[in-house]
Amino acid sequence: MSKMMKIIGAVALINIVARLVGFLREMVIGKQFGVSAAADAIATAYTIPNFIYLVLGGGLTTAFISVYHSAKTDKAVFVRRMFTSVLMAATTITVLAVIFAEPLLQLAFLNRLTPEQFELAYPIFLWMMPSTVILVLSTWLSGLLNLNDKFKLSSIAILVYNAAFVIISAPLVPWYGPTAYGIGALLSAMLMGIFLFAGIKRSKLYSLKPALGKSEDVKRVWIIALPILLGGASMQFYAFIHRVAASGLTEGAISAVNYASKLSNFPQAIMMTAVTTVIYPMLSRKEGEGDHETIKKLYKKGMLMLAAMIAPATAVAYFFAEPLVRLIFERGEFDNASVLITVPIFKVFALSMFFLAANTYVTRFYYAKGNSILPVIFSLISVLGINLAIIYWLIDSMGATAIAYGTVISSAINLLMLVIYARVKWKL
């Protein structure tokens, strides 16, 4: 077995455990609140913090990895200044979000939240939002560890976060209701941040003492990151669109769509994360060396790995949708009625597994090639164009299932555009 396959296997194994623990959170929420206004509120409150952390953290980390090997300044100085830049950006956005929490929540959901939904979601949001600073920093710190071949440490950090989230939140529900999940989000993020800082200190990689001052390399990171942020934002708009479209349906539609999408995302996220976590730093290094033949081999190998791993998962999810939903969720407040609402949505979402994973994977090759604009354009066309059109065309006749169809069709078209252009431009 090649060294790369061994690393991918180890990372995949840790990710499986981490994702299982993370998915346990959704199962516990389902048991405690079922498909209800309280479950809707938790999903609603988590949307904005999750959006910022994935977009800002993911965009800056991807750009940082792209610049790291070609940085002109001393690596230690570059890392310290980049750390400071990420910290300042995340803190500024978080403070503004907390100050303007009420109008931000209403604006994000197009004023479609009912007074009950808003009253439940608002305190959860105020607890969750400060965790965004730590989550963005943790994403960047994980990228720094991966650049230095510390793949296991960054993967274990996610396990720490997910485990702490469940352990802290669930027991607090009798006292704090759904707000317990806001408290758990903040405290578990703090634990993950401490774990990563301690890991970097033990590894003696770099000092993380904040450092100000002009840096052309940090400027390059932001220039590369801006279109990546736009691309990441457009992809994360799937979650926003899911919540907004479902908010106009019956009570519980938001949580049903959330459970179904989380369940379908579970296997593809494990496979995609394992492959891209290992391949992207290698890809960045090979692009810097001008080794185009190896890049082509990495591209094909990664796509084959994704297809081989995700195809069986898709088949199982589609054909055994109802027993899976019953096995995973049917307990406590998640009754037979909740199952019957969730199953058809999950069944359609399952068809998007490969497309979503492959979109993320192929986009990394665009970033390594220095082209971060086209993925943004393709994403905007797919997510805000095709996806929305399909949802609002079908939603009156299909209800929440239309949201899943929008994801499947738009993600497939997005992948097709990415693959065709990469084939024509770079012969990948």
Protein backbone atom coordinates (compact mmCIF):
# COMPACT_ATOMS: atom_id res chain seq x y z
CA MET A 1 0.00 0.00 0.00
CA SER A 2 1.38 3.43 -0.95
CA LYS A 3 2.25 5.98 1.70
CA MET A 4 -0.52 8.29 0.46
CA MET A 5 -3.12 5.52 0.75
CA LYS A 6 -1.99 4.74 4.30
CA ILE A 7 -2.30 8.40 5.28
CA ILE A 8 -5.71 8.72 3.61
CA GLY A 9 -6.84 5.54 5.37
CA ALA A 10 -5.74 6.82 8.78
CA VAL A 11 -7.33 10.23 8.23
CA ALA A 12 -10.52 8.58 6.95
CA LEU A 13 -10.71 6.35 10.04
CA ILE A 14 -10.35 9.30 12.43
CA ASN A 15 -12.84 11.28 10.36
CA ILE A 16 -15.33 8.43 10.48
CA VAL A 17 -15.19 8.40 14.29
CA ALA A 18 -15.34 12.22 14.44
CA ARG A 19 -18.29 12.40 12.03
CA LEU A 20 -20.08 9.59 13.84
CA VAL A 21 -19.81 11.51 17.09
CA GLY A 22 -20.88 14.69 15.28
CA PHE A 23 -23.87 12.92 13.79
CA LEU A 24 -24.72 11.63 17.24
CA ARG A 25 -25.54 15.26 18.05
CA GLU A 26 -28.24 15.28 15.34
CA MET A 27 -29.60 12.00 16.69
CA VAL A 28 -29.76 13.40 20.22
CA ILE A 29 -31.47 16.59 19.00
CA GLY A 30 -33.95 14.38 17.15
CA LYS A 31 -34.61 12.34 20.28
CA GLN A 32 -35.04 15.41 22.47
CA PHE A 33 -37.00 17.65 20.10
CA GLY A 34 -38.10 15.55 17.10
CA VAL A 35 -39.43 17.52 14.11
CA SER A 36 -40.62 20.62 15.99
CA ALA A 37 -40.31 24.38 16.42
CA ALA A 38 -37.47 23.87 18.94
CA ALA A 39 -35.52 21.67 16.51
CA ASP A 40 -36.18 24.26 13.78
CA ALA A 41 -34.74 26.95 16.08
CA ILE A 42 -31.49 25.04 16.68
CA ALA A 43 -30.98 24.55 12.93
CA THR A 44 -31.87 28.20 12.28
CA ALA A 45 -29.51 29.61 14.95
CA TYR A 46 -26.59 27.48 13.72
CA THR A 47 -26.95 28.57 10.08
CA ILE A 48 -25.13 31.93 10.25
CA PRO A 49 -22.22 30.91 12.57
CA ASN A 50 -21.69 27.75 10.52
CA PHE A 51 -21.81 29.76 7.28
CA ILE A 52 -19.16 32.24 8.46
CA TYR A 53 -16.86 29.58 9.89
CA LEU A 54 -16.97 27.39 6.79
CA VAL A 55 -16.67 30.27 4.31
CA LEU A 56 -14.13 32.47 6.09
CA GLY A 57 -12.15 29.65 7.71
CA GLY A 58 -12.22 27.46 4.62
CA GLY A 59 -11.38 30.27 2.19
CA LEU A 60 -8.47 31.68 4.18
CA THR A 61 -7.06 28.23 4.91
CA THR A 62 -7.22 27.14 1.28
CA ALA A 63 -5.53 30.37 0.14
CA PHE A 64 -2.91 30.07 2.90
CA ILE A 65 -2.00 26.54 1.77
CA SER A 66 -1.69 27.80 -1.82
CA VAL A 67 0.75 30.56 -0.81
CA TYR A 68 2.68 28.78 1.95
CA HIS A 69 5.26 26.95 -0.21
CA SER A 70 5.99 30.01 -2.36
CA ALA A 71 6.07 32.57 0.47
CA LYS A 72 8.91 35.06 0.06
CA THR A 73 9.12 36.09 3.71
CA ASP A 74 10.42 33.94 6.54
CA LYS A 75 7.91 31.15 7.22
CA ALA A 76 7.78 31.87 10.96
CA VAL A 77 7.01 35.57 10.38
CA PHE A 78 4.47 34.72 7.67
CA VAL A 79 2.64 32.29 9.96
CA ARG A 80 2.48 34.79 12.84
CA ARG A 81 1.18 37.60 10.62
CA MET A 82 -1.33 35.29 8.95
CA PHE A 83 -2.56 34.11 12.34
CA THR A 84 -3.07 37.75 13.38
CA SER A 85 -4.91 38.55 10.16
CA VAL A 86 -7.29 35.58 10.55
CA LEU A 87 -7.91 36.42 14.22
CA MET A 88 -8.72 40.06 13.47
CA ALA A 89 -11.04 39.22 10.58
CA ALA A 90 -12.97 36.56 12.50
CA THR A 91 -13.28 38.74 15.62
CA THR A 92 -14.52 41.79 13.69
CA ILE A 93 -17.21 39.81 11.85
CA THR A 94 -18.31 38.03 15.03
CA VAL A 95 -18.60 41.24 17.08
CA LEU A 96 -20.68 42.89 14.34
CA ALA A 97 -22.91 39.80 14.11
CA VAL A 98 -23.57 39.83 17.86
CA ILE A 99 -24.27 43.59 17.94
CA PHE A 100 -26.71 43.35 15.03
CA ALA A 101 -28.02 39.89 15.89
CA GLU A 102 -31.73 40.68 15.68
CA PRO A 103 -31.81 42.38 12.25
CA LEU A 104 -29.21 39.91 10.93
CA LEU A 105 -31.36 36.90 11.78
CA GLN A 106 -34.46 38.46 10.25
CA LEU A 107 -32.59 39.59 7.14
CA ALA A 108 -30.88 36.23 6.65
CA PHE A 109 -34.25 34.49 6.66
CA LEU A 110 -36.00 37.20 4.61
CA ASN A 111 -38.25 38.12 7.57
CA ARG A 112 -39.95 34.73 7.27
CA LEU A 113 -39.29 33.66 10.86
CA THR A 114 -42.43 33.57 12.97
CA PRO A 115 -42.32 35.30 16.40
CA GLU A 116 -42.08 31.85 18.03
CA GLN A 117 -39.22 30.76 15.75
CA PHE A 118 -37.32 33.99 16.39
CA GLU A 119 -37.87 33.87 20.17
CA LEU A 120 -36.44 30.34 20.29
CA ALA A 121 -33.55 30.92 17.86
CA TYR A 122 -32.30 34.29 19.19
CA PRO A 123 -30.69 33.17 22.51
CA ILE A 124 -29.19 30.09 20.84
CA PHE A 125 -27.63 32.35 18.20
CA LEU A 126 -26.13 34.69 20.83
CA TRP A 127 -24.39 31.73 22.48
CA MET A 128 -23.26 30.13 19.22
CA MET A 129 -21.94 33.21 17.44
CA PRO A 130 -18.80 33.81 19.62
CA SER A 131 -17.68 30.24 18.84
CA THR A 132 -17.16 31.38 15.24
CA VAL A 133 -13.87 33.11 16.11
CA ILE A 134 -12.45 29.89 17.53
CA LEU A 135 -13.83 27.73 14.71
CA VAL A 136 -12.31 29.96 12.01
CA LEU A 137 -8.94 29.95 13.80
CA SER A 138 -9.17 26.18 14.32
CA THR A 139 -9.75 25.62 10.60
CA TRP A 140 -6.67 27.67 9.80
CA LEU A 141 -4.59 25.92 12.48
CA SER A 142 -5.66 22.55 11.05
CA GLY A 143 -4.44 23.71 7.62
CA LEU A 144 -1.10 24.67 9.16
CA LEU A 145 -0.80 21.22 10.74
CA ASN A 146 -1.68 19.48 7.46
CA LEU A 147 1.02 21.47 5.65
CA ASN A 148 3.47 19.96 8.11
CA ASP A 149 2.09 16.42 7.69
CA LYS A 150 0.28 16.46 11.05
CA PHE A 151 -2.92 15.10 9.48
CA LYS A 152 -3.99 12.99 12.45
CA LEU A 153 -3.75 15.85 14.93
CA SER A 154 -6.04 18.10 12.87
CA SER A 155 -8.55 15.27 12.40
CA ILE A 156 -8.59 14.42 16.12
CA ALA A 157 -9.41 18.08 16.84
CA ILE A 158 -12.75 17.67 15.04
CA LEU A 159 -13.41 14.58 17.17
CA VAL A 160 -12.74 16.60 20.32
CA TYR A 161 -15.16 19.31 19.17
CA ASN A 162 -17.98 16.95 18.19
CA ALA A 163 -17.66 14.82 21.33
CA ALA A 164 -17.60 17.84 23.62
CA PHE A 165 -20.61 19.36 21.80
CA VAL A 166 -22.77 16.31 22.58
CA ILE A 167 -21.46 15.71 26.10
CA ILE A 168 -21.98 19.34 27.15
CA SER A 169 -25.25 20.17 25.36
CA ALA A 170 -27.53 17.17 25.87
CA PRO A 171 -27.48 17.11 29.73
CA LEU A 172 -28.23 20.86 29.87
CA VAL A 173 -31.51 20.59 27.93
CA PRO A 174 -33.74 20.02 31.01
CA TRP A 175 -32.55 23.37 32.42
CA TYR A 176 -31.94 25.49 29.29
CA GLY A 177 -34.09 23.86 26.61
CA PRO A 178 -32.79 24.28 23.02
CA THR A 179 -30.43 27.07 24.22
CA ALA A 180 -28.30 24.27 25.69
CA TYR A 181 -26.99 23.65 22.17
CA GLY A 182 -25.79 27.24 21.93
CA ILE A 183 -23.91 26.87 25.20
CA GLY A 184 -22.46 23.55 24.05
CA ALA A 185 -21.32 25.05 20.74
CA LEU A 186 -19.27 27.74 22.49
CA LEU A 187 -17.69 25.53 25.15
CA SER A 188 -16.82 22.72 22.72
CA ALA A 189 -15.20 25.20 20.30
CA MET A 190 -13.08 26.50 23.17
CA LEU A 191 -11.92 22.97 23.97
CA MET A 192 -11.00 22.31 20.33
CA GLY A 193 -9.06 25.58 20.14
CA ILE A 194 -7.09 24.69 23.28
CA PHE A 195 -6.36 21.21 21.86
CA LEU A 196 -4.98 22.63 18.59
CA PHE A 197 -2.89 25.31 20.28
CA ALA A 198 -1.41 22.71 22.62
CA GLY A 199 -0.72 20.38 19.68
CA ILE A 200 1.15 23.06 17.73
CA LYS A 201 3.12 24.04 20.82
CA ARG A 202 4.08 20.40 21.50
CA SER A 203 5.06 19.92 17.87
CA LYS A 204 7.30 23.01 18.08
CA LEU A 205 6.22 24.08 14.60
CA TYR A 206 5.71 27.83 14.88
CA SER A 207 5.07 30.57 17.40
CA LEU A 208 1.49 31.86 17.32
CA LYS A 209 2.30 35.12 19.04
CA PRO A 210 0.36 37.83 17.17
CA ALA A 211 2.48 39.99 14.84
CA LEU A 212 1.40 43.12 13.00
CA GLY A 213 3.09 44.70 10.00
CA LYS A 214 2.80 44.72 6.23
CA SER A 215 3.35 41.45 4.42
CA GLU A 216 3.12 40.82 0.69
CA ASP A 217 2.47 37.14 1.35
CA VAL A 218 -0.49 37.88 3.65
CA LYS A 219 -1.78 40.28 1.00
CA ARG A 220 -1.46 37.50 -1.59
CA VAL A 221 -3.44 35.16 0.66
CA TRP A 222 -6.31 37.65 0.86
CA ILE A 223 -6.25 38.31 -2.89
CA ILE A 224 -6.48 34.57 -3.56
CA ALA A 225 -8.98 34.07 -0.74
CA LEU A 226 -11.57 36.64 -1.84
CA PRO A 227 -12.87 34.68 -4.85
CA ILE A 228 -12.56 31.45 -2.83
CA LEU A 229 -14.70 33.08 -0.13
CA LEU A 230 -17.28 33.97 -2.76
CA GLY A 231 -17.20 30.43 -4.11
CA GLY A 232 -17.45 28.94 -0.64
CA ALA A 233 -20.28 31.31 0.20
CA SER A 234 -22.22 30.32 -2.90
CA MET A 235 -21.85 26.63 -2.00
CA GLN A 236 -22.87 27.29 1.61
CA PHE A 237 -25.93 29.11 0.32
CA TYR A 238 -27.35 25.61 -0.13
CA ALA A 239 -27.90 25.54 3.66
CA PHE A 240 -29.39 29.03 3.68
CA ILE A 241 -31.69 28.20 0.79
CA HIS A 242 -32.76 24.99 2.54
CA ARG A 243 -33.73 26.92 5.69
CA VAL A 244 -35.43 29.83 3.92
CA ALA A 245 -37.42 27.63 1.51
CA ALA A 246 -38.45 25.29 4.34
CA SER A 247 -39.45 28.18 6.62
CA GLY A 248 -42.41 28.86 4.34
CA LEU A 249 -43.70 25.30 4.79
CA THR A 250 -45.28 23.57 7.79
CA GLU A 251 -43.73 23.50 11.28
CA GLY A 252 -40.89 21.00 11.42
CA ALA A 253 -39.97 21.32 7.72
CA ILE A 254 -36.69 23.12 8.57
CA SER A 255 -35.58 20.38 10.96
CA ALA A 256 -36.73 17.57 8.62
CA VAL A 257 -34.65 19.03 5.77
CA ASN A 258 -31.75 19.51 8.20
CA TYR A 259 -31.86 15.88 9.42
CA ALA A 260 -32.11 14.56 5.85
CA SER A 261 -29.28 16.70 4.48
CA LYS A 262 -27.00 15.94 7.47
CA LEU A 263 -27.61 12.22 7.05
CA SER A 264 -26.83 12.32 3.31
CA ASN A 265 -23.78 14.55 3.89
CA PHE A 266 -22.33 12.19 6.46
CA PRO A 267 -20.72 9.57 4.16
CA GLN A 268 -19.69 11.98 1.40
CA ALA A 269 -18.10 14.39 3.90
CA ILE A 270 -16.00 11.57 5.36
CA MET A 271 -14.74 10.43 1.96
CA MET A 272 -14.22 13.93 0.57
CA THR A 273 -12.44 15.20 3.69
CA ALA A 274 -10.10 12.20 3.82
CA VAL A 275 -9.11 12.56 0.17
CA THR A 276 -8.81 16.36 -0.05
CA THR A 277 -7.08 16.74 3.35
CA VAL A 278 -4.17 14.64 2.13
CA ILE A 279 -4.13 15.42 -1.60
CA TYR A 280 -4.48 19.23 -1.51
CA PRO A 281 -1.20 20.00 0.32
CA MET A 282 0.54 17.54 -2.07
CA LEU A 283 -1.16 19.21 -5.02
CA SER A 284 -0.07 22.66 -3.85
CA ARG A 285 3.52 21.42 -3.54
CA LYS A 286 3.54 19.78 -6.99
CA GLU A 287 2.03 22.87 -8.62
CA GLY A 288 4.80 24.96 -7.08
CA GLU A 289 7.33 22.52 -8.56
CA GLY A 290 5.63 22.58 -11.97
CA ASP A 291 5.10 18.80 -11.89
CA HIS A 292 2.01 18.66 -14.14
CA GLU A 293 2.17 14.92 -14.79
CA THR A 294 1.89 14.12 -11.09
CA ILE A 295 -0.97 16.62 -10.81
CA LYS A 296 -2.89 14.77 -13.54
CA LYS A 297 -2.31 11.46 -11.75
CA LEU A 298 -3.49 12.95 -8.43
CA TYR A 299 -6.63 14.29 -10.11
CA LYS A 300 -7.59 10.96 -11.66
CA LYS A 301 -6.67 8.93 -8.59
CA GLY A 302 -8.69 11.15 -6.28
CA MET A 303 -11.78 11.10 -8.52
CA LEU A 304 -11.63 7.31 -8.77
CA MET A 305 -11.27 7.03 -4.98
CA LEU A 306 -14.30 9.27 -4.43
CA ALA A 307 -16.44 7.37 -6.92
CA ALA A 308 -15.43 3.97 -5.54
CA MET A 309 -16.18 5.01 -1.96
CA ILE A 310 -19.34 7.06 -2.46
CA ALA A 311 -21.22 4.93 -5.04
CA PRO A 312 -21.96 2.08 -2.58
CA ALA A 313 -22.98 4.57 0.12
CA THR A 314 -25.38 6.26 -2.30
CA ALA A 315 -27.00 2.95 -3.26
CA VAL A 316 -27.49 1.92 0.37
CA ALA A 317 -28.90 5.34 1.33
CA TYR A 318 -31.34 5.40 -1.56
CA PHE A 319 -32.68 1.86 -1.40
CA PHE A 320 -32.71 1.58 2.39
CA ALA A 321 -33.76 5.15 3.18
CA GLU A 322 -36.65 4.34 5.51
CA PRO A 323 -34.93 1.68 7.66
CA LEU A 324 -31.88 3.96 7.94
CA VAL A 325 -33.92 6.94 9.12
CA ARG A 326 -35.84 4.72 11.56
CA LEU A 327 -32.65 3.13 12.89
CA ILE A 328 -30.83 6.43 13.36
CA PHE A 329 -33.56 8.82 14.44
CA GLU A 330 -36.76 7.05 15.56
CA ARG A 331 -36.72 7.44 19.32
CA GLY A 332 -38.07 9.90 21.85
CA GLU A 333 -39.79 12.85 20.19
CA PHE A 334 -38.77 11.64 16.73
CA ASP A 335 -41.86 9.51 16.09
CA ASN A 336 -43.33 7.70 13.08
CA ALA A 337 -44.74 10.95 11.69
CA SER A 338 -41.26 12.51 11.82
CA VAL A 339 -39.85 9.50 9.96
CA LEU A 340 -42.45 9.76 7.20
CA ILE A 341 -41.66 13.46 6.72
CA THR A 342 -37.87 12.92 6.61
CA VAL A 343 -37.53 9.76 4.46
CA PRO A 344 -38.55 11.12 1.02
CA ILE A 345 -36.33 14.18 1.50
CA PHE A 346 -33.36 12.03 2.52
CA LYS A 347 -33.88 9.64 -0.39
CA VAL A 348 -33.46 12.45 -2.92
CA PHE A 349 -30.59 14.11 -1.03
CA ALA A 350 -28.70 10.80 -1.19
CA LEU A 351 -28.38 11.21 -4.96
CA SER A 352 -26.28 14.37 -4.45
CA MET A 353 -23.50 12.67 -2.45
CA PHE A 354 -20.97 12.17 -5.24
CA PHE A 355 -21.70 15.48 -6.95
CA LEU A 356 -21.15 17.55 -3.80
CA ALA A 357 -17.95 15.71 -2.84
CA ALA A 358 -16.53 15.84 -6.38
CA ASN A 359 -17.34 19.56 -6.68
CA THR A 360 -15.22 20.29 -3.62
CA TYR A 361 -12.44 18.01 -4.84
CA VAL A 362 -12.21 19.38 -8.40
CA THR A 363 -12.40 22.96 -7.16
CA ARG A 364 -9.16 22.39 -5.22
CA PHE A 365 -7.36 21.82 -8.53
CA TYR A 366 -8.67 25.13 -9.85
CA TYR A 367 -7.30 26.86 -6.74
CA ALA A 368 -3.92 25.17 -7.13
CA LYS A 369 -3.85 26.34 -10.75
CA GLY A 370 -4.47 29.90 -9.59
CA ASN A 371 -7.98 30.06 -11.04
CA SER A 372 -10.40 30.85 -8.23
CA ILE A 373 -12.83 32.93 -10.31
CA LEU A 374 -14.42 30.26 -12.51
CA PRO A 375 -15.52 28.02 -9.61
CA VAL A 376 -17.31 31.07 -8.18
CA ILE A 377 -19.10 31.73 -11.47
CA PHE A 378 -20.08 28.08 -11.85
CA SER A 379 -21.31 27.97 -8.22
CA LEU A 380 -23.39 31.11 -8.58
CA ILE A 381 -25.00 29.74 -11.73
CA SER A 382 -25.71 26.41 -10.05
CA VAL A 383 -26.68 27.38 -6.50
CA LEU A 384 -28.39 30.73 -6.94
CA GLY A 385 -29.68 30.07 -10.45
CA ILE A 386 -30.52 26.45 -11.22
CA ASN A 387 -31.04 25.39 -7.59
CA LEU A 388 -33.48 28.20 -6.77
CA ALA A 389 -35.34 27.80 -10.05
CA ILE A 390 -35.91 24.08 -9.44
CA ILE A 391 -36.99 24.58 -5.82
CA TYR A 392 -39.56 27.24 -6.57
CA TRP A 393 -40.78 25.40 -9.64
CA LEU A 394 -41.44 22.19 -7.69
CA ILE A 395 -42.11 23.29 -4.10
CA ASP A 396 -45.87 23.78 -4.46
CA SER A 397 -46.34 20.25 -5.76
CA MET A 398 -43.56 18.41 -3.89
CA GLY A 399 -43.12 20.38 -0.69
CA ALA A 400 -39.75 20.00 1.10
CA THR A 401 -38.63 17.26 -1.32
CA ALA A 402 -38.23 19.98 -3.97
CA ILE A 403 -35.37 21.40 -1.90
CA ALA A 404 -33.49 18.10 -2.22
CA TYR A 405 -34.11 17.91 -5.98
CA GLY A 406 -32.70 21.40 -6.36
CA THR A 407 -29.47 20.30 -4.64
CA VAL A 408 -29.09 17.15 -6.75
CA ILE A 409 -29.63 18.72 -10.15
CA SER A 410 -27.68 21.93 -9.51
CA SER A 411 -24.68 20.12 -7.97
CA ALA A 412 -24.56 17.71 -10.93
CA ILE A 413 -24.55 20.59 -13.43
CA ASN A 414 -21.90 22.42 -11.40
CA LEU A 415 -19.63 19.37 -11.50
CA LEU A 416 -20.16 18.98 -15.24
CA MET A 417 -19.05 22.58 -15.87
CA LEU A 418 -15.98 22.17 -13.65
CA VAL A 419 -14.89 18.89 -15.27
CA ILE A 420 -15.39 20.07 -18.86
CA TYR A 421 -13.39 23.27 -18.36
CA ALA A 422 -10.58 21.45 -16.50
CA ARG A 423 -10.39 18.93 -19.33
CA VAL A 424 -10.22 21.59 -22.03
CA LYS A 425 -7.89 24.00 -20.19
CA TRP A 426 -5.47 21.70 -18.34
CA LYS A 427 -6.11 18.29 -19.96
CA LEU A 428 -7.03 16.84 -16.57
